[in-house]
Each structure stands twice: as C-alpha cells, then as structure tokens.
Amino acid sequence: MNLQITQNLQLPVLISHTPEKTQKKFLEFFVANYRNKNTRQAYFRNCCQFLDWAANRNLILHDLEPLHCAAYIENLSQQISAPSVKQHSSAIKMLFDWLVVNQCVTVNPMAGVKPPKHSYQEGRTPILTAKQARQLFDSIDGDRLIDYRDRALISAMLFSFSRVSAALAMKVKDYLINGSDRFFQLLEKGGKTKKVPVHHLAARYIEEYIHKADLADQPSTPLFRSFYQGGKKIKEKQLNRVNAWNMVKRRVKQAGLSSQVTNHSFRGTGITNFLENDGDLETAAWIAGHTDVRTTKLYDRRKQVITQSEIERIRI
C-alpha cells in the first residue's frame, strides 16, 4: 500500500473497530481507484461523513441496511444540493461494492437507495461578461508582485478554460515558448496532459509575472506560488486552491463585481465568450477537456442574454 498517500487518510471510528483486513481494504479503495488527489479526498470525506453518522447512532459496519442509508440520504438532502447528495451516494455505494467484492461485508446497504433527482441544462456557476472581465483585469492595476501573479492566474483560467487545479499544478516549464507561439501544458483529470495555445493577453500577463518573479531560470518549480503574509515576499510553495479561492473573492470585491464569482467562473466565462464569437462547440469541448460536448453546453450562457432581451419586450 502506498503509505505516502494513506498517511493523511485517518480511519473513521466505525472502520477502526473492524478486522485489520477490512481496515486495509477500506484504505485501498481510495488509493487503488482514485489517482486524482482532489477526487480521492472528496470521496474519502463523503464516505467518512456517512460512517461517522452511523457510528453516532451506535451502529456497526455489519448492522448497516438500506433503511439506514435512505435515512442518511434524506437527512443530507435537507442540507446540501442534489448534485452533492448524488456524489455522496455514489461514493458510499462504490465503497461498499468494493468491500463486498473483497469479502469484508456480505451486502451493499446503499444498493437500491436512490439519490434525489436533479436535471438542468446549464451550469449554475456565475460567469462574467466580456465587459466585466475587462473590469476585473483593469482593477488589478498595482505594481506589486502579487498583483502580477493574480492577473496571470486569472488569465490562465479564463483563456485556457482550465480548472483551477490544472492551472495551479503548472510548473514554470509548462508555459511553453516556441518562436512566436505560446502554449500551456495542462495536467487534466485522469492524468492526461494537454497543450493549449495561449491567448495574446494571457501571454502578456504570464510573461510579465515570470519576469517580475524572476522564475525563468527555475523551470521545475511551481508557476503560481504562495506569498508570505502581507503579499510582499513570494514563496517557493505552490498556491493552494483555498488561497486561490480567497484571492478571487478579494479581487472581484475590489472590482465591484458579484460576490458569487468563483475560480470556476472563469472557465464558464471563457467558454461562453468563445462561443459568442463564433467559436466551434467541439473545439471548445477539446480546449476544456470535455469528452462530451453536452458537458461543454452547461457552460454556455448565451441563452441568458437572449432571454433577458426578449423579456424586456414587456413594456408597462
């Protein structure tokens, strides 16, 4: 077992009271099935939350029945969104499938328990218009190194449609220069590496940041780095997702934009703007790393503009 991966996975109480084989197979489920660290941690949290819920009701692993799982899902549905409940349900079901196959339990108590239904044709993450995106970039007008970093990171997410995890994972060498051409080399879900051409504005912001941070001679180090408190001195450590989230919240507030904007908003902003300017849907899906264009369509908010213009035909 990969001890480096499992050292941060603390056994929930209910599992710690089971035989050693069950404890081992419980950890193996996350290590063997999920190479992506964020996915692994999310599924681990979901499963542990359910097992802690069961332990608090004095249940043991072999006591669990569909009735208990249904009660847990019902309770969870009152606290979080339907898609999140569905993710919880899926994680728990797959865990128990694994435990059944490895003869740690006899039945899967989540089998047959249905999560709440949800269906929508477009994503819910708020996006920026082209004018608002320019407003955000213009608001980051300082000459501090942290200003250069923030502008570069936001541009990387917006112009490459990248997930924040892929942008933050980039090394300096992943900004590729070949003559007049520029590329981002992004590590996507499933361990896939992808080269995406860099928009001229993103190239400008990235190169200004690399120059100001003196990173050109450090190709194997993180591109987007944390700062010491106060934002005056840069670290060698990669910026994490939580700090990136806080940075975006701080920057959009400073720009006078919606507090609902998140890291993921830039992905939707880039895709929508690309399609508004006659970009091809299949090309947008490739840039975004989507295997199905239906996923890309969730990010397309052009219909929101059309709906607003039509509704304004009501004149009272």
C-alpha atoms as a PDB file:
ATOM      1  CA  MET A   1       0.000   0.000   0.000  1.00  0.00           C
ATOM      2  CA  ASN A   2       1.215   3.497  -0.805  1.00  0.00           C
ATOM      3  CA  LEU A   3       1.920   4.810   2.701  1.00  0.00           C
ATOM      4  CA  GLN A   4       2.602   8.329   1.463  1.00  0.00           C
ATOM      5  CA  ILE A   5      -0.943   8.532   0.062  1.00  0.00           C
ATOM      6  CA  THR A   6      -2.663   6.914   3.052  1.00  0.00           C
ATOM      7  CA  GLN A   7      -0.841   8.777   5.822  1.00  0.00           C
ATOM      8  CA  ASN A   8      -3.403  11.600   5.695  1.00  0.00           C
ATOM      9  CA  LEU A   9      -6.389   9.235   5.494  1.00  0.00           C
ATOM     10  CA  GLN A  10      -7.412   8.686   9.103  1.00  0.00           C
ATOM     11  CA  LEU A  11      -9.730   5.747   9.688  1.00  0.00           C
ATOM     12  CA  PRO A  12     -13.238   6.695  10.851  1.00  0.00           C
ATOM     13  CA  VAL A  13     -14.224   5.213  14.215  1.00  0.00           C
ATOM     14  CA  LEU A  14     -16.636   2.693  12.713  1.00  0.00           C
ATOM     15  CA  ILE A  15     -13.909   1.226  10.460  1.00  0.00           C
ATOM     16  CA  SER A  16     -11.244   1.281  13.197  1.00  0.00           C
ATOM     17  CA  HIS A  17     -13.346  -1.256  15.121  1.00  0.00           C
ATOM     18  CA  THR A  18     -13.319  -3.769  12.271  1.00  0.00           C
ATOM     19  CA  PRO A  19     -10.748  -6.531  11.487  1.00  0.00           C
ATOM     20  CA  GLU A  20      -7.396  -5.465  10.079  1.00  0.00           C
ATOM     21  CA  LYS A  21      -8.304  -6.816   6.641  1.00  0.00           C
ATOM     22  CA  THR A  22     -11.355  -4.525   6.462  1.00  0.00           C
ATOM     23  CA  GLN A  23      -9.312  -1.519   7.564  1.00  0.00           C
ATOM     24  CA  LYS A  24      -6.741  -2.244   4.868  1.00  0.00           C
ATOM     25  CA  LYS A  25      -9.344  -2.728   2.126  1.00  0.00           C
ATOM     26  CA  PHE A  26     -11.116   0.469   3.186  1.00  0.00           C
ATOM     27  CA  LEU A  27      -7.944   2.493   2.566  1.00  0.00           C
ATOM     28  CA  GLU A  28      -7.097   0.529  -0.580  1.00  0.00           C
ATOM     29  CA  PHE A  29     -10.434   1.555  -2.084  1.00  0.00           C
ATOM     30  CA  PHE A  30      -9.373   5.213  -2.252  1.00  0.00           C
ATOM     31  CA  VAL A  31      -5.744   4.565  -3.169  1.00  0.00           C
ATOM     32  CA  ALA A  32      -6.432   1.984  -5.904  1.00  0.00           C
ATOM     33  CA  ASN A  33      -9.386   3.687  -7.555  1.00  0.00           C
ATOM     34  CA  TYR A  34      -8.638   7.418  -7.469  1.00  0.00           C
ATOM     35  CA  ARG A  35      -5.358   8.768  -8.794  1.00  0.00           C
ATOM     36  CA  ASN A  36      -6.582  12.356  -8.669  1.00  0.00           C
ATOM     37  CA  LYS A  37      -5.851  13.684  -5.169  1.00  0.00           C
ATOM     38  CA  ASN A  38      -8.849  16.030  -5.084  1.00  0.00           C
ATOM     39  CA  THR A  39     -11.273  13.292  -6.142  1.00  0.00           C
ATOM     40  CA  ARG A  40      -9.759  10.889  -3.624  1.00  0.00           C
ATOM     41  CA  GLN A  41     -10.104  13.368  -0.793  1.00  0.00           C
ATOM     42  CA  ALA A  42     -13.673  14.292  -1.755  1.00  0.00           C
ATOM     43  CA  TYR A  43     -14.812  10.648  -1.854  1.00  0.00           C
ATOM     44  CA  PHE A  44     -12.955   9.912   1.387  1.00  0.00           C
ATOM     45  CA  ARG A  45     -14.743  12.809   3.132  1.00  0.00           C
ATOM     46  CA  ASN A  46     -18.118  11.693   1.797  1.00  0.00           C
ATOM     47  CA  CYS A  47     -17.686   8.103   2.971  1.00  0.00           C
ATOM     48  CA  CYS A  48     -16.314   9.119   6.374  1.00  0.00           C
ATOM     49  CA  GLN A  49     -19.205  11.507   6.929  1.00  0.00           C
ATOM     50  CA  PHE A  50     -21.674   8.653   6.427  1.00  0.00           C
ATOM     51  CA  LEU A  51     -19.705   6.220   8.595  1.00  0.00           C
ATOM     52  CA  ASP A  52     -19.411   8.805  11.391  1.00  0.00           C
ATOM     53  CA  TRP A  53     -23.155   9.400  11.130  1.00  0.00           C
ATOM     54  CA  ALA A  54     -23.704   5.658  11.573  1.00  0.00           C
ATOM     55  CA  ALA A  55     -21.237   5.432  14.488  1.00  0.00           C
ATOM     56  CA  ASN A  56     -23.046   8.269  16.270  1.00  0.00           C
ATOM     57  CA  ARG A  57     -26.163   6.107  16.155  1.00  0.00           C
ATOM     58  CA  ASN A  58     -24.330   3.148  17.723  1.00  0.00           C
ATOM     59  CA  LEU A  59     -24.361   1.150  14.507  1.00  0.00           C
ATOM     60  CA  ILE A  60     -21.551  -1.169  13.400  1.00  0.00           C
ATOM     61  CA  LEU A  61     -20.495  -1.914   9.828  1.00  0.00           C
ATOM     62  CA  HIS A  62     -22.465  -5.160   9.555  1.00  0.00           C
ATOM     63  CA  ASP A  63     -25.608  -3.537  11.004  1.00  0.00           C
ATOM     64  CA  LEU A  64     -25.992  -1.148   8.089  1.00  0.00           C
ATOM     65  CA  GLU A  65     -29.120  -1.668   5.974  1.00  0.00           C
ATOM     66  CA  PRO A  66     -30.825   0.202   3.115  1.00  0.00           C
ATOM     67  CA  LEU A  67     -33.141   1.799   5.679  1.00  0.00           C
ATOM     68  CA  HIS A  68     -30.167   3.468   7.388  1.00  0.00           C
ATOM     69  CA  CYS A  69     -28.729   4.659   4.078  1.00  0.00           C
ATOM     70  CA  ALA A  70     -32.088   6.039   2.972  1.00  0.00           C
ATOM     71  CA  ALA A  71     -32.418   7.948   6.255  1.00  0.00           C
ATOM     72  CA  TYR A  72     -28.923   9.384   5.826  1.00  0.00           C
ATOM     73  CA  ILE A  73     -29.614  10.488   2.237  1.00  0.00           C
ATOM     74  CA  GLU A  74     -32.931  12.021   3.280  1.00  0.00           C
ATOM     75  CA  ASN A  75     -31.240  13.983   6.056  1.00  0.00           C
ATOM     76  CA  LEU A  76     -28.403  15.062   3.749  1.00  0.00           C
ATOM     77  CA  SER A  77     -30.865  16.250   1.104  1.00  0.00           C
ATOM     78  CA  GLN A  78     -32.124  18.895   3.510  1.00  0.00           C
ATOM     79  CA  GLN A  79     -28.626  20.333   3.973  1.00  0.00           C
ATOM     80  CA  ILE A  80     -26.843  20.313   0.590  1.00  0.00           C
ATOM     81  CA  SER A  81     -27.689  20.423  -3.119  1.00  0.00           C
ATOM     82  CA  ALA A  82     -28.999  17.433  -5.054  1.00  0.00           C
ATOM     83  CA  PRO A  83     -25.789  17.043  -7.127  1.00  0.00           C
ATOM     84  CA  SER A  84     -23.737  16.957  -3.914  1.00  0.00           C
ATOM     85  CA  VAL A  85     -26.062  14.366  -2.379  1.00  0.00           C
ATOM     86  CA  LYS A  86     -25.708  12.288  -5.532  1.00  0.00           C
ATOM     87  CA  GLN A  87     -21.913  12.430  -5.209  1.00  0.00           C
ATOM     88  CA  HIS A  88     -22.155  11.270  -1.578  1.00  0.00           C
ATOM     89  CA  SER A  89     -24.460   8.422  -2.566  1.00  0.00           C
ATOM     90  CA  SER A  90     -22.191   7.325  -5.415  1.00  0.00           C
ATOM     91  CA  ALA A  91     -19.070   7.328  -3.216  1.00  0.00           C
ATOM     92  CA  ILE A  92     -20.745   5.258  -0.490  1.00  0.00           C
ATOM     93  CA  LYS A  93     -22.210   2.774  -2.979  1.00  0.00           C
ATOM     94  CA  MET A  94     -18.853   2.213  -4.703  1.00  0.00           C
ATOM     95  CA  LEU A  95     -17.086   1.805  -1.356  1.00  0.00           C
ATOM     96  CA  PHE A  96     -19.469  -0.929  -0.259  1.00  0.00           C
ATOM     97  CA  ASP A  97     -19.291  -2.607  -3.679  1.00  0.00           C
ATOM     98  CA  TRP A  98     -15.524  -2.785  -3.104  1.00  0.00           C
ATOM     99  CA  LEU A  99     -15.964  -4.165   0.432  1.00  0.00           C
ATOM    100  CA  VAL A 100     -18.422  -6.805  -0.817  1.00  0.00           C
ATOM    101  CA  VAL A 101     -16.059  -7.922  -3.600  1.00  0.00           C
ATOM    102  CA  ASN A 102     -13.223  -8.176  -1.070  1.00  0.00           C
ATOM    103  CA  GLN A 103     -15.457 -10.179   1.314  1.00  0.00           C
ATOM    104  CA  CYS A 104     -15.380  -7.603   4.103  1.00  0.00           C
ATOM    105  CA  VAL A 105     -19.195  -7.276   4.189  1.00  0.00           C
ATOM    106  CA  THR A 106     -21.889  -9.501   2.742  1.00  0.00           C
ATOM    107  CA  VAL A 107     -24.222  -6.915   1.199  1.00  0.00           C
ATOM    108  CA  ASN A 108     -24.133  -3.334  -0.047  1.00  0.00           C
ATOM    109  CA  PRO A 109     -26.623  -1.347   2.077  1.00  0.00           C
ATOM    110  CA  MET A 110     -26.624   1.533  -0.425  1.00  0.00           C
ATOM    111  CA  ALA A 111     -27.738  -0.714  -3.296  1.00  0.00           C
ATOM    112  CA  GLY A 112     -31.225   0.299  -4.387  1.00  0.00           C
ATOM    113  CA  VAL A 113     -31.242   3.546  -2.407  1.00  0.00           C
ATOM    114  CA  LYS A 114     -31.974   6.325  -4.891  1.00  0.00           C
ATOM    115  CA  PRO A 115     -30.424   9.774  -4.529  1.00  0.00           C
ATOM    116  CA  PRO A 116     -32.620  12.833  -5.270  1.00  0.00           C
ATOM    117  CA  LYS A 117     -33.199  13.600  -8.919  1.00  0.00           C
ATOM    118  CA  HIS A 118     -31.705  16.676 -10.473  1.00  0.00           C
ATOM    119  CA  SER A 119     -31.644  17.921 -14.016  1.00  0.00           C
ATOM    120  CA  TYR A 120     -30.533  21.208 -15.535  1.00  0.00           C
ATOM    121  CA  GLN A 121     -29.485  22.341 -18.979  1.00  0.00           C
ATOM    122  CA  GLU A 122     -26.924  24.933 -17.988  1.00  0.00           C
ATOM    123  CA  GLY A 123     -24.449  25.311 -15.174  1.00  0.00           C
ATOM    124  CA  ARG A 124     -25.144  27.376 -12.086  1.00  0.00           C
ATOM    125  CA  THR A 125     -21.717  28.906 -11.606  1.00  0.00           C
ATOM    126  CA  PRO A 126     -21.995  32.654 -12.349  1.00  0.00           C
ATOM    127  CA  ILE A 127     -19.895  33.957 -15.227  1.00  0.00           C
ATOM    128  CA  LEU A 128     -18.613  37.346 -16.294  1.00  0.00           C
ATOM    129  CA  THR A 129     -19.475  39.290 -19.415  1.00  0.00           C
ATOM    130  CA  ALA A 130     -16.605  40.499 -21.573  1.00  0.00           C
ATOM    131  CA  LYS A 131     -17.037  43.985 -20.088  1.00  0.00           C
ATOM    132  CA  GLN A 132     -16.918  42.623 -16.524  1.00  0.00           C
ATOM    133  CA  ALA A 133     -13.829  40.534 -17.303  1.00  0.00           C
ATOM    134  CA  ARG A 134     -12.048  43.636 -18.591  1.00  0.00           C
ATOM    135  CA  GLN A 135     -13.222  45.499 -15.492  1.00  0.00           C
ATOM    136  CA  LEU A 136     -11.656  42.807 -13.299  1.00  0.00           C
ATOM    137  CA  PHE A 137      -8.315  42.872 -15.126  1.00  0.00           C
ATOM    138  CA  ASP A 138      -8.251  46.671 -15.096  1.00  0.00           C
ATOM    139  CA  SER A 139      -8.879  46.705 -11.344  1.00  0.00           C
ATOM    140  CA  ILE A 140      -5.688  44.701 -10.717  1.00  0.00           C
ATOM    141  CA  ASP A 141      -3.552  47.670 -11.596  1.00  0.00           C
ATOM    142  CA  GLY A 142      -0.962  47.584  -8.830  1.00  0.00           C
ATOM    143  CA  ASP A 143       2.740  47.108  -9.350  1.00  0.00           C
ATOM    144  CA  ARG A 144       3.264  44.558  -6.570  1.00  0.00           C
ATOM    145  CA  LEU A 145       4.442  41.071  -7.491  1.00  0.00           C
ATOM    146  CA  ILE A 146       1.245  39.574  -6.061  1.00  0.00           C
ATOM    147  CA  ASP A 147      -0.761  41.743  -8.483  1.00  0.00           C
ATOM    148  CA  TYR A 148       1.172  40.282 -11.413  1.00  0.00           C
ATOM    149  CA  ARG A 149       0.586  36.765 -10.097  1.00  0.00           C
ATOM    150  CA  ASP A 150      -3.146  37.218  -9.581  1.00  0.00           C
ATOM    151  CA  ARG A 151      -3.663  38.746 -13.018  1.00  0.00           C
ATOM    152  CA  ALA A 152      -1.654  35.928 -14.623  1.00  0.00           C
ATOM    153  CA  LEU A 153      -3.548  33.169 -12.807  1.00  0.00           C
ATOM    154  CA  ILE A 154      -6.979  34.589 -13.632  1.00  0.00           C
ATOM    155  CA  SER A 155      -5.981  34.997 -17.287  1.00  0.00           C
ATOM    156  CA  ALA A 156      -4.706  31.407 -17.426  1.00  0.00           C
ATOM    157  CA  MET A 157      -8.035  30.050 -16.164  1.00  0.00           C
ATOM    158  CA  LEU A 158     -10.147  32.288 -18.383  1.00  0.00           C
ATOM    159  CA  PHE A 159      -8.290  31.981 -21.684  1.00  0.00           C
ATOM    160  CA  SER A 160      -7.457  28.261 -21.461  1.00  0.00           C
ATOM    161  CA  PHE A 161     -10.808  27.162 -19.911  1.00  0.00           C
ATOM    162  CA  SER A 162      -8.695  25.332 -17.334  1.00  0.00           C
ATOM    163  CA  ARG A 163      -9.837  24.053 -13.962  1.00  0.00           C
ATOM    164  CA  VAL A 164      -8.149  25.838 -11.075  1.00  0.00           C
ATOM    165  CA  SER A 165      -6.412  22.583 -10.073  1.00  0.00           C
ATOM    166  CA  ALA A 166      -4.840  22.274 -13.539  1.00  0.00           C
ATOM    167  CA  ALA A 167      -3.711  25.911 -13.556  1.00  0.00           C
ATOM    168  CA  LEU A 168      -2.213  25.690 -10.063  1.00  0.00           C
ATOM    169  CA  ALA A 169      -0.408  22.446 -10.916  1.00  0.00           C
ATOM    170  CA  MET A 170       1.587  24.087 -13.713  1.00  0.00           C
ATOM    171  CA  LYS A 171       5.342  24.365 -13.385  1.00  0.00           C
ATOM    172  CA  VAL A 172       7.250  27.257 -14.955  1.00  0.00           C
ATOM    173  CA  LYS A 173       8.284  24.895 -17.771  1.00  0.00           C
ATOM    174  CA  ASP A 174       4.613  24.225 -18.549  1.00  0.00           C
ATOM    175  CA  TYR A 175       4.428  27.665 -20.119  1.00  0.00           C
ATOM    176  CA  LEU A 176       5.957  26.660 -23.442  1.00  0.00           C
ATOM    177  CA  ILE A 177       7.573  29.111 -25.862  1.00  0.00           C
ATOM    178  CA  ASN A 178       8.275  28.033 -29.428  1.00  0.00           C
ATOM    179  CA  GLY A 179       9.261  31.005 -31.555  1.00  0.00           C
ATOM    180  CA  SER A 180       6.202  33.257 -31.678  1.00  0.00           C
ATOM    181  CA  ASP A 181       3.925  30.503 -30.377  1.00  0.00           C
ATOM    182  CA  ARG A 182       2.948  30.074 -26.731  1.00  0.00           C
ATOM    183  CA  PHE A 183       1.303  27.038 -25.110  1.00  0.00           C
ATOM    184  CA  PHE A 184       0.006  25.980 -21.713  1.00  0.00           C
ATOM    185  CA  GLN A 185       0.780  22.361 -20.862  1.00  0.00           C
ATOM    186  CA  LEU A 186      -2.042  21.333 -18.535  1.00  0.00           C
ATOM    187  CA  LEU A 187      -2.498  18.191 -16.474  1.00  0.00           C
ATOM    188  CA  GLU A 188      -6.185  17.361 -16.692  1.00  0.00           C
ATOM    189  CA  LYS A 189      -8.423  14.805 -14.995  1.00  0.00           C
ATOM    190  CA  GLY A 190      -7.326  11.212 -15.416  1.00  0.00           C
ATOM    191  CA  GLY A 191      -3.662  12.198 -15.658  1.00  0.00           C
ATOM    192  CA  LYS A 192      -3.996  13.434 -19.241  1.00  0.00           C
ATOM    193  CA  THR A 193      -1.605  16.122 -20.449  1.00  0.00           C
ATOM    194  CA  LYS A 194      -2.856  18.687 -22.939  1.00  0.00           C
ATOM    195  CA  LYS A 195      -1.232  21.592 -24.820  1.00  0.00           C
ATOM    196  CA  VAL A 196      -3.443  24.638 -25.309  1.00  0.00           C
ATOM    197  CA  PRO A 197      -2.409  27.707 -27.342  1.00  0.00           C
ATOM    198  CA  VAL A 198      -2.098  30.830 -25.197  1.00  0.00           C
ATOM    199  CA  HIS A 199      -4.169  33.926 -25.932  1.00  0.00           C
ATOM    200  CA  HIS A 200      -2.002  37.011 -26.510  1.00  0.00           C
ATOM    201  CA  LEU A 201      -3.391  38.788 -23.425  1.00  0.00           C
ATOM    202  CA  ALA A 202      -2.721  35.777 -21.197  1.00  0.00           C
ATOM    203  CA  ALA A 203       0.786  35.516 -22.686  1.00  0.00           C
ATOM    204  CA  ARG A 204       1.424  39.134 -21.777  1.00  0.00           C
ATOM    205  CA  TYR A 205       0.252  38.701 -18.177  1.00  0.00           C
ATOM    206  CA  ILE A 206       2.112  35.398 -17.713  1.00  0.00           C
ATOM    207  CA  GLU A 207       5.395  36.726 -19.094  1.00  0.00           C
ATOM    208  CA  GLU A 208       5.176  39.907 -17.039  1.00  0.00           C
ATOM    209  CA  TYR A 209       4.700  37.772 -13.928  1.00  0.00           C
ATOM    210  CA  ILE A 210       7.546  35.357 -14.787  1.00  0.00           C
ATOM    211  CA  HIS A 211       9.852  38.307 -15.421  1.00  0.00           C
ATOM    212  CA  LYS A 212       8.890  40.171 -12.233  1.00  0.00           C
ATOM    213  CA  ALA A 213       9.165  36.995 -10.114  1.00  0.00           C
ATOM    214  CA  ASP A 214      12.471  36.012 -11.767  1.00  0.00           C
ATOM    215  CA  LEU A 215      11.163  32.479 -12.491  1.00  0.00           C
ATOM    216  CA  ALA A 216      12.629  31.874 -15.947  1.00  0.00           C
ATOM    217  CA  ASP A 217      15.653  30.036 -14.541  1.00  0.00           C
ATOM    218  CA  GLN A 218      13.517  27.822 -12.287  1.00  0.00           C
ATOM    219  CA  PRO A 219      11.668  25.630 -14.835  1.00  0.00           C
ATOM    220  CA  SER A 220      10.792  22.752 -12.485  1.00  0.00           C
ATOM    221  CA  THR A 221       9.289  24.918  -9.747  1.00  0.00           C
ATOM    222  CA  PRO A 222       5.613  25.930  -9.332  1.00  0.00           C
ATOM    223  CA  LEU A 223       4.457  28.694 -11.641  1.00  0.00           C
ATOM    224  CA  PHE A 224       1.772  30.118  -9.372  1.00  0.00           C
ATOM    225  CA  ARG A 225       3.168  30.457  -5.862  1.00  0.00           C
ATOM    226  CA  SER A 226       2.024  31.478  -2.423  1.00  0.00           C
ATOM    227  CA  PHE A 227       3.164  34.650  -0.713  1.00  0.00           C
ATOM    228  CA  TYR A 228       4.179  35.297   2.848  1.00  0.00           C
ATOM    229  CA  GLN A 229       1.634  37.198   4.908  1.00  0.00           C
ATOM    230  CA  GLY A 230       1.286  40.706   3.598  1.00  0.00           C
ATOM    231  CA  GLY A 231       1.897  39.687  -0.013  1.00  0.00           C
ATOM    232  CA  LYS A 232       5.347  41.235  -0.224  1.00  0.00           C
ATOM    233  CA  LYS A 233       7.570  38.153  -0.476  1.00  0.00           C
ATOM    234  CA  ILE A 234       6.961  35.125  -2.683  1.00  0.00           C
ATOM    235  CA  LYS A 235       7.417  31.542  -1.502  1.00  0.00           C
ATOM    236  CA  GLU A 236       8.667  28.512  -3.413  1.00  0.00           C
ATOM    237  CA  LYS A 237       5.462  26.677  -2.451  1.00  0.00           C
ATOM    238  CA  GLN A 238       2.588  26.222  -4.902  1.00  0.00           C
ATOM    239  CA  LEU A 239      -0.519  28.316  -4.276  1.00  0.00           C
ATOM    240  CA  ASN A 240      -3.314  26.074  -2.979  1.00  0.00           C
ATOM    241  CA  ARG A 241      -6.947  26.036  -4.034  1.00  0.00           C
ATOM    242  CA  VAL A 242      -8.276  27.632  -0.857  1.00  0.00           C
ATOM    243  CA  ASN A 243      -5.934  30.610  -1.155  1.00  0.00           C
ATOM    244  CA  ALA A 244      -6.743  30.889  -4.863  1.00  0.00           C
ATOM    245  CA  TRP A 245     -10.447  30.982  -3.938  1.00  0.00           C
ATOM    246  CA  ASN A 246      -9.825  33.712  -1.378  1.00  0.00           C
ATOM    247  CA  MET A 247      -7.773  35.661  -3.897  1.00  0.00           C
ATOM    248  CA  VAL A 248     -10.590  35.593  -6.447  1.00  0.00           C
ATOM    249  CA  LYS A 249     -13.135  36.666  -3.827  1.00  0.00           C
ATOM    250  CA  ARG A 250     -10.910  39.557  -2.817  1.00  0.00           C
ATOM    251  CA  ARG A 251     -10.282  40.638  -6.400  1.00  0.00           C
ATOM    252  CA  VAL A 252     -13.921  40.560  -7.558  1.00  0.00           C
ATOM    253  CA  LYS A 253     -14.971  42.554  -4.496  1.00  0.00           C
ATOM    254  CA  GLN A 254     -12.274  45.099  -5.259  1.00  0.00           C
ATOM    255  CA  ALA A 255     -13.573  45.307  -8.855  1.00  0.00           C
ATOM    256  CA  GLY A 256     -17.161  45.817  -7.698  1.00  0.00           C
ATOM    257  CA  LEU A 257     -18.377  42.514  -9.174  1.00  0.00           C
ATOM    258  CA  SER A 258     -20.674  39.810  -7.823  1.00  0.00           C
ATOM    259  CA  SER A 259     -19.515  38.013  -4.684  1.00  0.00           C
ATOM    260  CA  GLN A 260     -20.829  34.805  -6.268  1.00  0.00           C
ATOM    261  CA  VAL A 261     -17.937  34.699  -8.755  1.00  0.00           C
ATOM    262  CA  THR A 262     -15.551  31.794  -8.069  1.00  0.00           C
ATOM    263  CA  ASN A 263     -12.475  30.180  -9.623  1.00  0.00           C
ATOM    264  CA  HIS A 264     -14.782  28.124 -11.829  1.00  0.00           C
ATOM    265  CA  SER A 265     -16.493  31.247 -13.170  1.00  0.00           C
ATOM    266  CA  PHE A 266     -13.524  31.951 -15.423  1.00  0.00           C
ATOM    267  CA  ARG A 267     -13.912  28.585 -17.151  1.00  0.00           C
ATOM    268  CA  GLY A 268     -17.545  29.377 -17.967  1.00  0.00           C
ATOM    269  CA  THR A 269     -16.663  32.944 -18.946  1.00  0.00           C
ATOM    270  CA  GLY A 270     -14.039  31.787 -21.435  1.00  0.00           C
ATOM    271  CA  ILE A 271     -16.266  29.133 -22.999  1.00  0.00           C
ATOM    272  CA  THR A 272     -19.271  31.448 -23.350  1.00  0.00           C
ATOM    273  CA  ASN A 273     -17.196  34.261 -24.836  1.00  0.00           C
ATOM    274  CA  PHE A 274     -15.539  31.836 -27.260  1.00  0.00           C
ATOM    275  CA  LEU A 275     -18.942  30.600 -28.479  1.00  0.00           C
ATOM    276  CA  GLU A 276     -20.351  34.150 -28.664  1.00  0.00           C
ATOM    277  CA  ASN A 277     -17.578  34.988 -31.102  1.00  0.00           C
ATOM    278  CA  ASP A 278     -18.466  32.092 -33.424  1.00  0.00           C
ATOM    279  CA  GLY A 279     -16.163  29.554 -31.817  1.00  0.00           C
ATOM    280  CA  ASP A 280     -16.921  25.911 -32.594  1.00  0.00           C
ATOM    281  CA  LEU A 281     -18.582  23.846 -29.844  1.00  0.00           C
ATOM    282  CA  GLU A 282     -16.373  20.798 -30.487  1.00  0.00           C
ATOM    283  CA  THR A 283     -13.260  22.988 -30.291  1.00  0.00           C
ATOM    284  CA  ALA A 284     -14.496  24.483 -27.015  1.00  0.00           C
ATOM    285  CA  ALA A 285     -15.014  20.960 -25.660  1.00  0.00           C
ATOM    286  CA  TRP A 286     -11.468  19.973 -26.623  1.00  0.00           C
ATOM    287  CA  ILE A 287      -9.932  23.072 -25.020  1.00  0.00           C
ATOM    288  CA  ALA A 288     -11.969  22.494 -21.862  1.00  0.00           C
ATOM    289  CA  GLY A 289     -11.024  18.809 -21.733  1.00  0.00           C
ATOM    290  CA  HIS A 290     -14.613  17.581 -22.028  1.00  0.00           C
ATOM    291  CA  THR A 291     -15.188  14.184 -23.615  1.00  0.00           C
ATOM    292  CA  ASP A 292     -18.827  15.031 -24.311  1.00  0.00           C
ATOM    293  CA  VAL A 293     -19.994  18.345 -25.827  1.00  0.00           C
ATOM    294  CA  ARG A 294     -23.105  18.144 -23.634  1.00  0.00           C
ATOM    295  CA  THR A 295     -20.859  18.963 -20.680  1.00  0.00           C
ATOM    296  CA  THR A 296     -19.493  21.979 -22.537  1.00  0.00           C
ATOM    297  CA  LYS A 297     -23.045  23.184 -23.211  1.00  0.00           C
ATOM    298  CA  LEU A 298     -23.578  23.516 -19.457  1.00  0.00           C
ATOM    299  CA  TYR A 299     -21.046  26.353 -19.527  1.00  0.00           C
ATOM    300  CA  ASP A 300     -22.686  28.145 -22.458  1.00  0.00           C
ATOM    301  CA  ARG A 301     -24.721  31.063 -21.062  1.00  0.00           C
ATOM    302  CA  ARG A 302     -25.635  32.765 -24.338  1.00  0.00           C
ATOM    303  CA  LYS A 303     -29.298  31.897 -23.802  1.00  0.00           C
ATOM    304  CA  GLN A 304     -29.360  34.016 -20.646  1.00  0.00           C
ATOM    305  CA  VAL A 305     -28.686  37.124 -22.750  1.00  0.00           C
ATOM    306  CA  ILE A 306     -31.332  36.186 -25.299  1.00  0.00           C
ATOM    307  CA  THR A 307     -33.889  35.506 -22.570  1.00  0.00           C
ATOM    308  CA  GLN A 308     -33.252  38.905 -20.955  1.00  0.00           C
ATOM    309  CA  SER A 309     -33.587  40.799 -24.238  1.00  0.00           C
ATOM    310  CA  GLU A 310     -36.824  39.001 -25.026  1.00  0.00           C
ATOM    311  CA  ILE A 311     -38.353  39.566 -21.603  1.00  0.00           C
ATOM    312  CA  GLU A 312     -37.705  43.291 -21.942  1.00  0.00           C
ATOM    313  CA  ARG A 313     -40.298  43.293 -24.722  1.00  0.00           C
ATOM    314  CA  ILE A 314     -42.818  43.559 -21.876  1.00  0.00           C
ATOM    315  CA  ARG A 315     -43.363  47.293 -21.667  1.00  0.00           C
ATOM    316  CA  ILE A 316     -45.567  48.576 -18.871  1.00  0.00           C
END
